[in-house]
Protein backbone atom coordinates (compact mmCIF):
# COMPACT_ATOMS: atom_id res chain seq x y z
CA UNK A 1 18.31 47.09 -12.75
CA UNK A 2 17.03 50.65 -12.04
CA UNK A 3 18.12 52.28 -9.01
CA UNK A 4 14.50 52.21 -7.75
CA UNK A 5 14.29 48.47 -7.87
CA UNK A 6 17.83 48.12 -6.58
CA UNK A 7 16.96 50.36 -3.40
CA UNK A 8 13.65 48.61 -2.58
CA UNK A 9 14.93 45.05 -3.15
CA UNK A 10 18.50 44.68 -1.56
CA UNK A 11 20.69 46.61 0.98
CA UNK A 12 24.16 47.86 0.50
CA UNK A 13 25.71 44.64 1.81
CA UNK A 14 23.62 42.56 -0.52
CA UNK A 15 24.49 44.67 -3.52
CA UNK A 16 28.35 44.59 -2.90
CA UNK A 17 28.02 40.76 -2.42
CA UNK A 18 26.33 40.42 -5.61
CA UNK A 19 28.96 42.47 -7.43
CA UNK A 20 31.87 40.57 -6.13
CA UNK A 21 30.11 37.34 -7.18
CA UNK A 22 29.43 38.99 -10.75
CA UNK A 23 32.96 40.09 -11.05
CA UNK A 24 34.27 36.63 -9.80
CA UNK A 25 31.88 35.04 -12.22
CA UNK A 26 33.26 36.92 -15.25
CA UNK A 27 36.73 35.66 -14.37
CA UNK A 28 35.80 31.90 -14.08
CA UNK A 29 36.66 29.68 -16.96
CA UNK A 30 33.41 28.32 -18.73
CA UNK A 31 33.00 24.70 -18.94
CA UNK A 32 34.45 23.44 -22.04
CA UNK A 33 31.33 21.92 -23.49
CA UNK A 34 29.54 25.12 -23.02
CA UNK A 35 32.34 27.17 -24.70
CA UNK A 36 30.87 27.55 -28.03
CA UNK A 37 27.30 27.26 -27.15
CA UNK A 38 25.03 29.95 -25.41
CA UNK A 39 24.26 28.66 -21.86
CA UNK A 40 20.48 29.11 -21.64
CA UNK A 41 18.02 28.29 -18.77
CA UNK A 42 14.21 28.17 -18.77
CA UNK A 43 12.50 28.66 -15.18
CA UNK A 44 8.95 28.48 -13.93
CA UNK A 45 8.77 29.25 -10.16
CA UNK A 46 6.08 27.00 -8.61
CA UNK A 47 5.35 29.47 -5.60
CA UNK A 48 5.34 32.85 -7.50
CA UNK A 49 3.99 31.62 -10.99
CA UNK A 50 6.80 33.55 -12.72
CA UNK A 51 8.84 32.50 -15.66
CA UNK A 52 12.38 33.19 -16.84
CA UNK A 53 13.93 32.36 -20.18
CA UNK A 54 17.33 33.67 -20.24
CA UNK A 55 20.87 33.07 -21.84
CA UNK A 56 23.22 33.72 -19.10
CA UNK A 57 26.55 32.99 -20.70
CA UNK A 58 28.36 32.28 -24.10
CA UNK A 59 31.96 32.15 -25.49
CA UNK A 60 33.67 31.51 -21.97
CA UNK A 61 31.85 34.56 -20.29
CA UNK A 62 28.97 34.98 -17.92
CA UNK A 63 26.53 37.86 -18.61
CA UNK A 64 26.40 40.14 -15.55
CA UNK A 65 22.96 41.42 -16.46
CA UNK A 66 21.58 38.07 -16.96
CA UNK A 67 23.00 36.87 -13.45
CA UNK A 68 21.40 39.82 -11.91
CA UNK A 69 18.04 38.82 -13.48
CA UNK A 70 18.66 35.12 -12.24
CA UNK A 71 19.59 36.40 -8.77
CA UNK A 72 16.33 38.40 -8.71
CA UNK A 73 14.23 35.41 -9.85
CA UNK A 74 15.71 32.93 -7.44
CA UNK A 75 15.33 35.33 -4.60
CA UNK A 76 13.78 34.08 -1.24
CA UNK A 77 10.12 34.46 -2.14
CA UNK A 78 9.17 34.52 1.36
CA UNK A 79 11.25 37.52 2.46
CA UNK A 80 12.16 39.20 -0.80
CA UNK A 81 15.99 39.06 0.07
CA UNK A 82 18.45 38.34 -2.87
CA UNK A 83 21.71 36.71 -2.92
CA UNK A 84 24.13 35.96 -5.76
CA UNK A 85 23.58 32.66 -7.22
CA UNK A 86 26.79 30.52 -7.80
CA UNK A 87 27.33 30.43 -11.67
CA UNK A 88 28.63 26.89 -11.31
CA UNK A 89 25.22 25.78 -10.20
CA UNK A 90 23.66 27.48 -13.33
CA UNK A 91 26.29 25.51 -15.33
CA UNK A 92 25.02 22.50 -13.69
CA UNK A 93 21.60 23.16 -14.64
CA UNK A 94 22.53 24.00 -18.12
CA UNK A 95 24.26 20.63 -18.53
CA UNK A 96 21.33 18.86 -17.35
CA UNK A 97 19.12 20.67 -19.61
CA UNK A 98 21.28 19.81 -22.68
CA UNK A 99 21.23 16.00 -21.51
CA UNK A 100 17.35 16.21 -22.14
CA UNK A 101 17.28 18.10 -25.38
CA UNK A 102 17.92 21.80 -24.29
CA UNK A 103 14.39 22.96 -24.54
CA UNK A 104 13.03 21.95 -21.04
CA UNK A 105 11.99 24.11 -18.24
CA UNK A 106 13.13 23.95 -14.71
CA UNK A 107 10.39 23.98 -12.18
CA UNK A 108 11.78 25.79 -9.14
CA UNK A 109 10.62 24.86 -5.61
CA UNK A 110 13.40 26.73 -3.77
CA UNK A 111 16.53 28.74 -4.79
CA UNK A 112 18.17 31.31 -2.42
CA UNK A 113 16.84 31.01 1.17
CA UNK A 114 17.51 33.85 3.87
CA UNK A 115 18.59 32.64 7.24
CA UNK A 116 15.29 33.43 8.62
CA UNK A 117 13.28 31.35 6.10
CA UNK A 118 15.88 28.55 6.43
CA UNK A 119 15.44 28.65 10.33
CA UNK A 120 11.63 28.54 9.94
CA UNK A 121 11.68 25.48 7.50
CA UNK A 122 14.24 23.56 9.56
CA UNK A 123 11.93 23.83 12.65
CA UNK A 124 9.11 22.25 10.58
CA UNK A 125 11.33 19.42 8.92
CA UNK A 126 14.34 17.65 9.99
CA UNK A 127 15.28 17.36 6.37
CA UNK A 128 16.18 21.08 6.05
CA UNK A 129 19.86 21.57 6.72
CA UNK A 130 20.54 24.21 9.51
CA UNK A 131 23.46 25.25 7.44
CA UNK A 132 21.83 24.92 4.00
CA UNK A 133 23.84 25.77 0.80
CA UNK A 134 20.46 27.60 -0.28
CA UNK A 135 21.59 30.38 2.15
CA UNK A 136 24.81 30.81 0.10
CA UNK A 137 23.16 30.87 -3.31
CA UNK A 138 24.80 27.35 -3.95
CA UNK A 139 21.70 25.20 -3.97
CA UNK A 140 18.30 24.66 -5.72
CA UNK A 141 15.44 22.43 -5.45
CA UNK A 142 13.95 21.63 -8.80
CA UNK A 143 11.82 19.39 -11.25
CA UNK A 144 12.04 19.41 -14.91
CA UNK A 145 8.97 19.49 -17.20
CA UNK A 146 8.41 16.32 -19.01
CA UNK A 147 11.29 14.27 -17.18
CA UNK A 148 11.04 12.23 -14.16
CA UNK A 149 12.72 13.45 -10.99
CA UNK A 150 14.51 10.03 -11.03
CA UNK A 151 16.20 10.56 -14.43
CA UNK A 152 17.11 14.07 -13.42
CA UNK A 153 18.59 12.76 -10.30
CA UNK A 154 20.46 10.16 -12.27
CA UNK A 155 21.78 12.76 -14.62
CA UNK A 156 23.21 14.88 -12.03
CA UNK A 157 24.68 11.92 -10.11
CA UNK A 158 26.60 11.00 -13.30
CA UNK A 159 27.99 14.33 -13.55
CA UNK A 160 29.60 14.30 -10.23
CA UNK A 161 29.66 18.19 -9.74
CA UNK A 162 28.11 18.60 -6.46
CA UNK A 163 25.48 17.30 -3.98
CA UNK A 164 22.29 15.71 -5.21
CA UNK A 165 19.41 15.00 -3.06
CA UNK A 166 16.23 13.13 -4.17
CA UNK A 167 12.87 13.76 -2.46
CA UNK A 168 10.33 11.24 -4.04
CA UNK A 169 7.33 12.19 -1.89
CA UNK A 170 7.68 15.78 -2.76
CA UNK A 171 8.87 15.16 -6.20
CA UNK A 172 11.79 17.21 -6.61
CA UNK A 173 15.60 17.09 -6.83
CA UNK A 174 18.23 19.21 -4.68
CA UNK A 175 21.30 20.18 -6.56
CA UNK A 176 24.10 22.14 -4.98
CA UNK A 177 27.70 23.09 -5.70
CA UNK A 178 29.06 21.59 -2.44
CA UNK A 179 31.17 18.61 -2.36
CA UNK A 180 29.98 15.44 -4.29
CA UNK A 181 27.56 13.38 -2.34
CA UNK A 182 24.05 12.21 -2.48
CA UNK A 183 20.99 11.34 -0.39
């Protein structure tokens, strides 16, 4: 990321936070099933219309540059604020993607949310948690091209690796790295 982009996109505190998460991610053990295979994701952001196809890790390592690109892609599109995305969340997405053939694209409804955005959304809907894991970079709301949201939900539930919410009327699944639970 160039210095120009860095200065206009994030403040010093956000940069340091992202650096800590990146360094931590590099020291995390990789999920055994992904140890020999590159961990790749494909995203389409439903609000910005942008796409990202990326390999974010391989051989027991995370790629710091790829994590930075993912942090930028999943930033709060309303405010432009960025926050480090939990690499374990990416591993959950990667595992789900593999379950459905490894070539599908995640349609992102919401990634990171700033406090300001989360407060605005929680005023409009009781379904938005006031202390949402989206604000910590530990949650994402998605659909998957060519796969029903019910099948994505069931796949995530079977993994038992965090929270799974199903929003049938809005046609998306919430995934997070919090405790195992569902709604």
